[in-house]
Amino acid sequence: MPAGLCFLIATFLWGSSFVALKAAIDIYPPSFVIFLRMLITLLICFCLKPWIKRFKYQQGDWKWLLMMSLAEPCLYFLFEGYAMQYTSASQAGIIVSCLPLMVAFFAFFLIQEKLSKQIIIGFGLCITGSILLSLVSPNTDHAPNPLLGNTLEFIAMVCAAFYVVSMKHLLNRYSALSLIALQGLSGTLFFAPFLLFIELPVKHDVNALLNILYLGSAVTLGAYGMYNYALARSSVLTAAAYSNLVPIFALLLSALLLNEILTVWQWASIAVVFIGILISKRHAYV
């Protein structure tokens, strides 16, 4: 399958994840949702064990494996899960626009990929646009505290950037599916203790559970599988540039499924973010 098509499918699934996560967290605590999501991923990977190449640890990789697992799913899902309690799915999707520039920034320091002036300027504009989006966003039923929610989502994107760069390095040494299985295991172990500090739900909502099932299968396994497969065949900046499609899908699906509406000032903030992306676009696809 062409790498571009894999990226397209992955970004659509990630865009839809904001809607599914918002629907699930409206019913269940974030830590419960994320634990079930990672457990579902782990169980599916266990069923796919015959297709997972035997994981053979290579000396010196513990730092990269630890950074990948801690960045995503652990810290990324932790911050994003709580972010969705305070911001809307559409606003969170826009914050994702900063990811390609963050990836370029970390790629420069971690794997010595070239960082141009356009990337630096675009990075600054994306941060500015994200801050403006948070400040001008009104409190609504979908976003009771957008400033806090968007800040948590931005931190989640920092974690995601670390993940992309570390994954690019590891895909040269391990199979994509084996790394996803490791993510499922680390995520399940990381979030299991959180269940001790929350009141476990007694009654369950079928729609919310189906959304969690979707997150653990189609999004975590499907999107990451597609993305990692394509990432192994593309440059890290090209792969990150496809993340520009995530907020577009998130906006469309949020409007379609959650009836979310953005204000004029929010659209203006979004424009600032996309101007930053356009400035860096030429470099990102090199």
C-alpha atoms as a PDB file:
ATOM      1  CA  MET A   1       0.000   0.000   0.000  1.00  0.00           C
ATOM      2  CA  PRO A   2       1.415   3.462  -0.904  1.00  0.00           C
ATOM      3  CA  ALA A   3       2.808   5.430   2.042  1.00  0.00           C
ATOM      4  CA  GLY A   4       0.671   8.466   1.172  1.00  0.00           C
ATOM      5  CA  LEU A   5      -2.548   6.440   1.378  1.00  0.00           C
ATOM      6  CA  CYS A   6      -1.474   4.971   4.726  1.00  0.00           C
ATOM      7  CA  PHE A   7      -0.850   8.471   6.071  1.00  0.00           C
ATOM      8  CA  LEU A   8      -4.242   9.594   4.782  1.00  0.00           C
ATOM      9  CA  ILE A   9      -6.087   6.743   6.513  1.00  0.00           C
ATOM     10  CA  ALA A  10      -4.112   7.251   9.717  1.00  0.00           C
ATOM     11  CA  THR A  11      -4.851  10.988   9.889  1.00  0.00           C
ATOM     12  CA  PHE A  12      -8.562  10.407   9.265  1.00  0.00           C
ATOM     13  CA  LEU A  13      -8.663   7.883  12.106  1.00  0.00           C
ATOM     14  CA  TRP A  14      -6.781  10.276  14.397  1.00  0.00           C
ATOM     15  CA  GLY A  15      -9.146  13.084  13.472  1.00  0.00           C
ATOM     16  CA  SER A  16     -12.086  10.885  14.398  1.00  0.00           C
ATOM     17  CA  SER A  17     -10.438   9.932  17.689  1.00  0.00           C
ATOM     18  CA  PHE A  18     -11.168  13.370  19.185  1.00  0.00           C
ATOM     19  CA  VAL A  19     -14.884  12.831  18.649  1.00  0.00           C
ATOM     20  CA  ALA A  20     -14.807   9.273  20.029  1.00  0.00           C
ATOM     21  CA  LEU A  21     -12.671  10.273  23.012  1.00  0.00           C
ATOM     22  CA  LYS A  22     -14.933  13.225  23.810  1.00  0.00           C
ATOM     23  CA  ALA A  23     -17.997  10.963  23.709  1.00  0.00           C
ATOM     24  CA  ALA A  24     -16.366   8.365  25.979  1.00  0.00           C
ATOM     25  CA  ILE A  25     -14.985  10.859  28.521  1.00  0.00           C
ATOM     26  CA  ASP A  26     -18.377  12.536  28.831  1.00  0.00           C
ATOM     27  CA  ILE A  27     -19.496   9.256  30.464  1.00  0.00           C
ATOM     28  CA  TYR A  28     -16.396   7.728  32.078  1.00  0.00           C
ATOM     29  CA  PRO A  29     -13.288   9.089  33.886  1.00  0.00           C
ATOM     30  CA  PRO A  30     -10.337   9.689  31.499  1.00  0.00           C
ATOM     31  CA  SER A  31      -8.058   7.174  33.234  1.00  0.00           C
ATOM     32  CA  PHE A  32     -10.735   4.457  32.944  1.00  0.00           C
ATOM     33  CA  VAL A  33     -11.249   5.215  29.254  1.00  0.00           C
ATOM     34  CA  ILE A  34      -7.543   5.191  28.456  1.00  0.00           C
ATOM     35  CA  PHE A  35      -6.889   2.013  30.447  1.00  0.00           C
ATOM     36  CA  LEU A  36      -9.615   0.148  28.558  1.00  0.00           C
ATOM     37  CA  ARG A  37      -8.329   1.577  25.276  1.00  0.00           C
ATOM     38  CA  MET A  38      -4.803   0.288  25.895  1.00  0.00           C
ATOM     39  CA  LEU A  39      -6.059  -3.051  27.229  1.00  0.00           C
ATOM     40  CA  ILE A  40      -8.091  -3.567  24.047  1.00  0.00           C
ATOM     41  CA  THR A  41      -5.017  -2.792  21.947  1.00  0.00           C
ATOM     42  CA  LEU A  42      -2.924  -5.235  23.966  1.00  0.00           C
ATOM     43  CA  LEU A  43      -5.517  -8.014  23.647  1.00  0.00           C
ATOM     44  CA  ILE A  44      -5.780  -7.523  19.888  1.00  0.00           C
ATOM     45  CA  CYS A  45      -1.991  -7.610  19.560  1.00  0.00           C
ATOM     46  CA  PHE A  46      -1.985 -10.838  21.583  1.00  0.00           C
ATOM     47  CA  CYS A  47      -4.454 -12.318  19.076  1.00  0.00           C
ATOM     48  CA  LEU A  48      -2.150 -11.187  16.263  1.00  0.00           C
ATOM     49  CA  LYS A  49       0.877 -12.764  17.924  1.00  0.00           C
ATOM     50  CA  PRO A  50       1.613 -15.106  14.971  1.00  0.00           C
ATOM     51  CA  TRP A  51       2.002 -12.027  12.752  1.00  0.00           C
ATOM     52  CA  ILE A  52       4.206 -10.130  15.177  1.00  0.00           C
ATOM     53  CA  LYS A  53       7.860 -10.669  14.505  1.00  0.00           C
ATOM     54  CA  ARG A  54       9.791 -11.891  17.520  1.00  0.00           C
ATOM     55  CA  PHE A  55      10.999  -8.896  19.494  1.00  0.00           C
ATOM     56  CA  LYS A  56      14.779  -9.056  19.758  1.00  0.00           C
ATOM     57  CA  TYR A  57      16.204  -6.312  21.932  1.00  0.00           C
ATOM     58  CA  GLN A  58      19.275  -4.643  20.497  1.00  0.00           C
ATOM     59  CA  GLN A  59      21.888  -3.246  22.823  1.00  0.00           C
ATOM     60  CA  GLY A  60      21.579   0.444  23.632  1.00  0.00           C
ATOM     61  CA  ASP A  61      17.937   0.775  22.525  1.00  0.00           C
ATOM     62  CA  TRP A  62      16.477   0.982  26.026  1.00  0.00           C
ATOM     63  CA  LYS A  63      16.581   4.795  26.005  1.00  0.00           C
ATOM     64  CA  TRP A  64      14.679   5.014  22.714  1.00  0.00           C
ATOM     65  CA  LEU A  65      12.171   2.314  23.723  1.00  0.00           C
ATOM     66  CA  LEU A  66      11.595   4.029  27.079  1.00  0.00           C
ATOM     67  CA  MET A  67      11.205   7.453  25.450  1.00  0.00           C
ATOM     68  CA  MET A  68       8.742   6.073  22.896  1.00  0.00           C
ATOM     69  CA  SER A  69       6.611   4.235  25.478  1.00  0.00           C
ATOM     70  CA  LEU A  70       6.626   7.061  28.020  1.00  0.00           C
ATOM     71  CA  ALA A  71       5.882   9.758  25.437  1.00  0.00           C
ATOM     72  CA  GLU A  72       3.108   7.799  23.766  1.00  0.00           C
ATOM     73  CA  PRO A  73       0.890   6.194  24.916  1.00  0.00           C
ATOM     74  CA  CYS A  74       1.596   7.000  28.584  1.00  0.00           C
ATOM     75  CA  LEU A  75       2.009  10.779  28.913  1.00  0.00           C
ATOM     76  CA  TYR A  76       0.308  11.628  25.614  1.00  0.00           C
ATOM     77  CA  PHE A  77      -2.931   9.830  26.473  1.00  0.00           C
ATOM     78  CA  LEU A  78      -2.794  11.114  30.056  1.00  0.00           C
ATOM     79  CA  PHE A  79      -2.645  14.767  28.975  1.00  0.00           C
ATOM     80  CA  GLU A  80      -5.043  14.363  26.050  1.00  0.00           C
ATOM     81  CA  GLY A  81      -7.534  12.395  28.111  1.00  0.00           C
ATOM     82  CA  TYR A  82      -7.826  15.164  30.689  1.00  0.00           C
ATOM     83  CA  ALA A  83      -7.670  17.863  28.013  1.00  0.00           C
ATOM     84  CA  MET A  84     -10.881  16.551  26.486  1.00  0.00           C
ATOM     85  CA  GLN A  85     -12.676  17.228  29.783  1.00  0.00           C
ATOM     86  CA  TYR A  86     -12.049  20.948  29.392  1.00  0.00           C
ATOM     87  CA  THR A  87     -11.913  21.696  25.662  1.00  0.00           C
ATOM     88  CA  SER A  88     -13.904  20.763  22.581  1.00  0.00           C
ATOM     89  CA  ALA A  89     -12.948  18.090  20.071  1.00  0.00           C
ATOM     90  CA  SER A  90     -12.592  20.691  17.318  1.00  0.00           C
ATOM     91  CA  GLN A  91     -10.264  22.946  19.328  1.00  0.00           C
ATOM     92  CA  ALA A  92      -8.110  19.988  20.364  1.00  0.00           C
ATOM     93  CA  GLY A  93      -7.850  18.990  16.711  1.00  0.00           C
ATOM     94  CA  ILE A  94      -6.514  22.430  15.826  1.00  0.00           C
ATOM     95  CA  ILE A  95      -3.756  22.160  18.441  1.00  0.00           C
ATOM     96  CA  VAL A  96      -2.558  19.090  16.523  1.00  0.00           C
ATOM     97  CA  SER A  97      -1.564  21.495  13.730  1.00  0.00           C
ATOM     98  CA  CYS A  98       1.551  22.290  15.759  1.00  0.00           C
ATOM     99  CA  LEU A  99       2.750  18.692  15.649  1.00  0.00           C
ATOM    100  CA  PRO A 100       4.686  18.792  12.331  1.00  0.00           C
ATOM    101  CA  LEU A 101       6.708  21.779  13.485  1.00  0.00           C
ATOM    102  CA  MET A 102       7.383  20.237  16.869  1.00  0.00           C
ATOM    103  CA  VAL A 103       8.553  17.054  15.172  1.00  0.00           C
ATOM    104  CA  ALA A 104      10.928  19.076  12.996  1.00  0.00           C
ATOM    105  CA  PHE A 105      12.238  20.837  16.072  1.00  0.00           C
ATOM    106  CA  PHE A 106      12.913  17.631  18.020  1.00  0.00           C
ATOM    107  CA  ALA A 107      14.237  15.829  14.941  1.00  0.00           C
ATOM    108  CA  PHE A 108      16.923  18.506  14.693  1.00  0.00           C
ATOM    109  CA  PHE A 109      18.146  17.860  18.242  1.00  0.00           C
ATOM    110  CA  LEU A 110      17.610  14.092  18.475  1.00  0.00           C
ATOM    111  CA  ILE A 111      18.405  12.719  15.021  1.00  0.00           C
ATOM    112  CA  GLN A 112      20.142  15.757  13.482  1.00  0.00           C
ATOM    113  CA  GLU A 113      17.659  16.497  10.718  1.00  0.00           C
ATOM    114  CA  LYS A 114      18.004  19.938   9.155  1.00  0.00           C
ATOM    115  CA  LEU A 115      16.006  22.772  10.749  1.00  0.00           C
ATOM    116  CA  SER A 116      15.397  25.820   8.528  1.00  0.00           C
ATOM    117  CA  LYS A 117      14.387  29.392   9.357  1.00  0.00           C
ATOM    118  CA  GLN A 118      10.948  28.663   7.872  1.00  0.00           C
ATOM    119  CA  ILE A 119      10.445  25.908  10.433  1.00  0.00           C
ATOM    120  CA  ILE A 120      11.399  28.235  13.298  1.00  0.00           C
ATOM    121  CA  ILE A 121       9.075  31.017  12.063  1.00  0.00           C
ATOM    122  CA  GLY A 122       6.237  28.577  11.434  1.00  0.00           C
ATOM    123  CA  PHE A 123       6.766  26.975  14.841  1.00  0.00           C
ATOM    124  CA  GLY A 124       6.409  30.380  16.500  1.00  0.00           C
ATOM    125  CA  LEU A 125       3.238  31.204  14.577  1.00  0.00           C
ATOM    126  CA  CYS A 126       1.656  27.858  15.435  1.00  0.00           C
ATOM    127  CA  ILE A 127       2.297  28.423  19.132  1.00  0.00           C
ATOM    128  CA  THR A 128       0.903  31.958  18.845  1.00  0.00           C
ATOM    129  CA  GLY A 129      -2.207  30.714  17.060  1.00  0.00           C
ATOM    130  CA  SER A 130      -2.744  27.983  19.627  1.00  0.00           C
ATOM    131  CA  ILE A 131      -2.504  30.476  22.495  1.00  0.00           C
ATOM    132  CA  LEU A 132      -4.913  32.850  20.739  1.00  0.00           C
ATOM    133  CA  LEU A 133      -7.334  29.998  20.130  1.00  0.00           C
ATOM    134  CA  SER A 134      -7.360  29.242  23.837  1.00  0.00           C
ATOM    135  CA  LEU A 135      -7.805  32.874  24.892  1.00  0.00           C
ATOM    136  CA  VAL A 136     -10.658  33.727  22.503  1.00  0.00           C
ATOM    137  CA  SER A 137     -12.556  30.454  22.947  1.00  0.00           C
ATOM    138  CA  PRO A 138     -15.710  30.898  25.054  1.00  0.00           C
ATOM    139  CA  ASN A 139     -16.734  28.527  27.820  1.00  0.00           C
ATOM    140  CA  THR A 140     -19.374  26.132  26.504  1.00  0.00           C
ATOM    141  CA  ASP A 141     -20.866  22.779  27.389  1.00  0.00           C
ATOM    142  CA  HIS A 142     -18.300  21.208  25.046  1.00  0.00           C
ATOM    143  CA  ALA A 143     -15.412  23.338  26.393  1.00  0.00           C
ATOM    144  CA  PRO A 144     -15.919  24.429  30.039  1.00  0.00           C
ATOM    145  CA  ASN A 145     -12.274  25.584  30.399  1.00  0.00           C
ATOM    146  CA  PRO A 146     -10.646  25.891  26.942  1.00  0.00           C
ATOM    147  CA  LEU A 147      -7.472  27.566  28.226  1.00  0.00           C
ATOM    148  CA  LEU A 148      -6.648  24.643  30.516  1.00  0.00           C
ATOM    149  CA  GLY A 149      -7.848  22.040  28.020  1.00  0.00           C
ATOM    150  CA  ASN A 150      -5.898  23.460  25.095  1.00  0.00           C
ATOM    151  CA  THR A 151      -2.770  23.803  27.260  1.00  0.00           C
ATOM    152  CA  LEU A 152      -2.986  20.127  28.225  1.00  0.00           C
ATOM    153  CA  GLU A 153      -3.535  19.216  24.564  1.00  0.00           C
ATOM    154  CA  PHE A 154      -0.470  21.246  23.581  1.00  0.00           C
ATOM    155  CA  ILE A 155       1.645  19.333  26.124  1.00  0.00           C
ATOM    156  CA  ALA A 156       0.231  16.132  24.647  1.00  0.00           C
ATOM    157  CA  MET A 157       1.508  17.268  21.237  1.00  0.00           C
ATOM    158  CA  VAL A 158       5.007  17.719  22.684  1.00  0.00           C
ATOM    159  CA  CYS A 159       4.828  14.095  23.793  1.00  0.00           C
ATOM    160  CA  ALA A 160       3.574  13.062  20.348  1.00  0.00           C
ATOM    161  CA  ALA A 161       6.515  14.811  18.698  1.00  0.00           C
ATOM    162  CA  PHE A 162       8.950  12.873  20.883  1.00  0.00           C
ATOM    163  CA  TYR A 163       7.094   9.718  19.895  1.00  0.00           C
ATOM    164  CA  VAL A 164       7.350  10.311  16.138  1.00  0.00           C
ATOM    165  CA  VAL A 165      11.084  11.002  16.268  1.00  0.00           C
ATOM    166  CA  SER A 166      11.872   8.023  18.514  1.00  0.00           C
ATOM    167  CA  MET A 167       9.613   5.755  16.439  1.00  0.00           C
ATOM    168  CA  LYS A 168      11.423   6.759  13.238  1.00  0.00           C
ATOM    169  CA  HIS A 169      14.675   5.627  14.818  1.00  0.00           C
ATOM    170  CA  LEU A 170      13.249   2.353  16.165  1.00  0.00           C
ATOM    171  CA  LEU A 171      11.477   1.317  12.943  1.00  0.00           C
ATOM    172  CA  ASN A 172      14.893   0.673  11.433  1.00  0.00           C
ATOM    173  CA  ARG A 173      15.432  -2.023  14.063  1.00  0.00           C
ATOM    174  CA  TYR A 174      11.991  -3.427  15.009  1.00  0.00           C
ATOM    175  CA  SER A 175       8.706  -4.222  13.249  1.00  0.00           C
ATOM    176  CA  ALA A 176       5.867  -1.687  13.475  1.00  0.00           C
ATOM    177  CA  LEU A 177       3.438  -4.222  14.953  1.00  0.00           C
ATOM    178  CA  SER A 178       5.855  -5.316  17.670  1.00  0.00           C
ATOM    179  CA  LEU A 179       6.316  -1.684  18.721  1.00  0.00           C
ATOM    180  CA  ILE A 180       2.531  -1.185  18.851  1.00  0.00           C
ATOM    181  CA  ALA A 181       2.287  -4.291  21.061  1.00  0.00           C
ATOM    182  CA  LEU A 182       4.917  -2.748  23.344  1.00  0.00           C
ATOM    183  CA  GLN A 183       2.836   0.437  23.456  1.00  0.00           C
ATOM    184  CA  GLY A 184      -0.241  -1.565  24.408  1.00  0.00           C
ATOM    185  CA  LEU A 185       1.649  -3.298  27.221  1.00  0.00           C
ATOM    186  CA  SER A 186       3.285  -0.144  28.576  1.00  0.00           C
ATOM    187  CA  GLY A 187       0.027   1.811  28.368  1.00  0.00           C
ATOM    188  CA  THR A 188      -1.943  -0.879  30.187  1.00  0.00           C
ATOM    189  CA  LEU A 189       0.641  -1.119  32.993  1.00  0.00           C
ATOM    190  CA  PHE A 190       0.950   2.677  33.247  1.00  0.00           C
ATOM    191  CA  PHE A 191      -2.762   3.398  33.568  1.00  0.00           C
ATOM    192  CA  ALA A 192      -3.752   0.384  35.690  1.00  0.00           C
ATOM    193  CA  PRO A 193      -2.726   2.046  39.013  1.00  0.00           C
ATOM    194  CA  PHE A 194      -4.928   5.063  38.179  1.00  0.00           C
ATOM    195  CA  LEU A 195      -7.974   2.834  38.615  1.00  0.00           C
ATOM    196  CA  LEU A 196      -7.205   2.655  42.349  1.00  0.00           C
ATOM    197  CA  PHE A 197      -7.873   6.372  42.732  1.00  0.00           C
ATOM    198  CA  ILE A 198     -11.182   6.640  40.904  1.00  0.00           C
ATOM    199  CA  GLU A 199     -14.660   5.328  41.506  1.00  0.00           C
ATOM    200  CA  LEU A 200     -15.171   2.571  38.983  1.00  0.00           C
ATOM    201  CA  PRO A 201     -18.443   2.885  37.081  1.00  0.00           C
ATOM    202  CA  VAL A 202     -21.246   0.530  38.098  1.00  0.00           C
ATOM    203  CA  LYS A 203     -23.569   1.292  35.194  1.00  0.00           C
ATOM    204  CA  HIS A 204     -22.281   1.331  31.642  1.00  0.00           C
ATOM    205  CA  ASP A 205     -23.202   3.183  28.483  1.00  0.00           C
ATOM    206  CA  VAL A 206     -23.170   1.097  25.302  1.00  0.00           C
ATOM    207  CA  ASN A 207     -22.325   4.049  23.037  1.00  0.00           C
ATOM    208  CA  ALA A 208     -19.386   5.086  25.225  1.00  0.00           C
ATOM    209  CA  LEU A 209     -18.067   1.516  25.351  1.00  0.00           C
ATOM    210  CA  LEU A 210     -18.303   1.227  21.565  1.00  0.00           C
ATOM    211  CA  ASN A 211     -16.291   4.455  21.275  1.00  0.00           C
ATOM    212  CA  ILE A 212     -13.632   2.996  23.574  1.00  0.00           C
ATOM    213  CA  LEU A 213     -13.575  -0.184  21.476  1.00  0.00           C
ATOM    214  CA  TYR A 214     -13.128   1.979  18.380  1.00  0.00           C
ATOM    215  CA  LEU A 215     -10.277   3.887  20.045  1.00  0.00           C
ATOM    216  CA  GLY A 216      -8.474   0.713  21.084  1.00  0.00           C
ATOM    217  CA  SER A 217      -8.854  -1.076  17.763  1.00  0.00           C
ATOM    218  CA  ALA A 218      -9.289   1.227  14.765  1.00  0.00           C
ATOM    219  CA  VAL A 219      -7.425   4.233  16.179  1.00  0.00           C
ATOM    220  CA  THR A 220      -4.642   2.871  18.380  1.00  0.00           C
ATOM    221  CA  LEU A 221      -3.947  -0.271  16.376  1.00  0.00           C
ATOM    222  CA  GLY A 222      -5.147   0.794  12.918  1.00  0.00           C
ATOM    223  CA  ALA A 223      -3.931   4.388  12.785  1.00  0.00           C
ATOM    224  CA  TYR A 224      -0.601   3.715  14.471  1.00  0.00           C
ATOM    225  CA  GLY A 225      -0.081   0.639  12.317  1.00  0.00           C
ATOM    226  CA  MET A 226      -0.711   2.580   9.109  1.00  0.00           C
ATOM    227  CA  TYR A 227       1.342   5.552  10.249  1.00  0.00           C
ATOM    228  CA  ASN A 228       4.320   3.492  11.410  1.00  0.00           C
ATOM    229  CA  TYR A 229       4.270   1.412   8.211  1.00  0.00           C
ATOM    230  CA  ALA A 230       4.419   4.594   6.130  1.00  0.00           C
ATOM    231  CA  LEU A 231       6.885   6.300   8.481  1.00  0.00           C
ATOM    232  CA  ALA A 232       9.394   3.507   7.887  1.00  0.00           C
ATOM    233  CA  ARG A 233       9.231   4.385   4.171  1.00  0.00           C
ATOM    234  CA  SER A 234       9.277   8.211   4.441  1.00  0.00           C
ATOM    235  CA  SER A 235      11.264  11.004   6.049  1.00  0.00           C
ATOM    236  CA  VAL A 236      10.185  12.053   9.524  1.00  0.00           C
ATOM    237  CA  LEU A 237       9.273  15.568   8.326  1.00  0.00           C
ATOM    238  CA  THR A 238       7.171  14.273   5.442  1.00  0.00           C
ATOM    239  CA  ALA A 239       5.347  11.981   7.843  1.00  0.00           C
ATOM    240  CA  ALA A 240       4.756  14.804  10.300  1.00  0.00           C
ATOM    241  CA  ALA A 241       3.456  17.098   7.566  1.00  0.00           C
ATOM    242  CA  TYR A 242       0.508  14.742   7.009  1.00  0.00           C
ATOM    243  CA  SER A 243      -0.617  15.600  10.543  1.00  0.00           C
ATOM    244  CA  ASN A 244      -1.923  18.856   9.047  1.00  0.00           C
ATOM    245  CA  LEU A 245      -4.910  16.794   7.906  1.00  0.00           C
ATOM    246  CA  VAL A 246      -5.844  15.733  11.444  1.00  0.00           C
ATOM    247  CA  PRO A 247      -7.429  19.065  12.491  1.00  0.00           C
ATOM    248  CA  ILE A 248      -9.317  19.253   9.201  1.00  0.00           C
ATOM    249  CA  PHE A 249     -10.859  15.831   9.795  1.00  0.00           C
ATOM    250  CA  ALA A 250     -11.445  16.698  13.459  1.00  0.00           C
ATOM    251  CA  LEU A 251     -13.279  19.915  12.555  1.00  0.00           C
ATOM    252  CA  LEU A 252     -15.453  18.249   9.937  1.00  0.00           C
ATOM    253  CA  LEU A 253     -16.354  15.287  12.128  1.00  0.00           C
ATOM    254  CA  SER A 254     -16.936  17.478  15.199  1.00  0.00           C
ATOM    255  CA  ALA A 255     -19.323  19.690  13.240  1.00  0.00           C
ATOM    256  CA  LEU A 256     -21.044  16.658  11.727  1.00  0.00           C
ATOM    257  CA  LEU A 257     -21.319  14.459  14.819  1.00  0.00           C
ATOM    258  CA  LEU A 258     -21.118  16.823  17.815  1.00  0.00           C
ATOM    259  CA  ASN A 259     -22.702  19.949  16.297  1.00  0.00           C
ATOM    260  CA  GLU A 260     -19.717  22.050  17.407  1.00  0.00           C
ATOM    261  CA  ILE A 261     -19.539  25.568  15.941  1.00  0.00           C
ATOM    262  CA  LEU A 262     -16.437  27.802  15.934  1.00  0.00           C
ATOM    263  CA  THR A 263     -16.622  31.570  16.354  1.00  0.00           C
ATOM    264  CA  VAL A 264     -15.078  34.127  13.975  1.00  0.00           C
ATOM    265  CA  TRP A 265     -12.210  34.788  16.395  1.00  0.00           C
ATOM    266  CA  GLN A 266     -11.542  31.082  16.687  1.00  0.00           C
ATOM    267  CA  TRP A 267     -11.340  30.831  12.902  1.00  0.00           C
ATOM    268  CA  ALA A 268      -8.899  33.768  12.936  1.00  0.00           C
ATOM    269  CA  SER A 269      -6.718  31.913  15.452  1.00  0.00           C
ATOM    270  CA  ILE A 270      -6.907  28.804  13.308  1.00  0.00           C
ATOM    271  CA  ALA A 271      -5.757  30.898  10.331  1.00  0.00           C
ATOM    272  CA  VAL A 272      -2.644  31.938  12.272  1.00  0.00           C
ATOM    273  CA  VAL A 273      -1.862  28.280  12.945  1.00  0.00           C
ATOM    274  CA  PHE A 274      -2.259  27.346   9.278  1.00  0.00           C
ATOM    275  CA  ILE A 275      -0.152  30.307   8.132  1.00  0.00           C
ATOM    276  CA  GLY A 276       2.614  28.882  10.288  1.00  0.00           C
ATOM    277  CA  ILE A 277       2.118  25.485   8.685  1.00  0.00           C
ATOM    278  CA  LEU A 278       2.186  26.938   5.154  1.00  0.00           C
ATOM    279  CA  ILE A 279       5.430  28.801   5.881  1.00  0.00           C
ATOM    280  CA  SER A 280       7.097  25.563   6.911  1.00  0.00           C
ATOM    281  CA  LYS A 281       5.313  23.330   4.392  1.00  0.00           C
ATOM    282  CA  ARG A 282       7.994  23.537   1.713  1.00  0.00           C
ATOM    283  CA  HIS A 283      10.661  22.401   4.121  1.00  0.00           C
ATOM    284  CA  ALA A 284       8.479  19.735   5.736  1.00  0.00           C
ATOM    285  CA  TYR A 285       7.996  17.811   2.506  1.00  0.00           C
ATOM    286  CA  VAL A 286      11.651  17.734   1.544  1.00  0.00           C
END
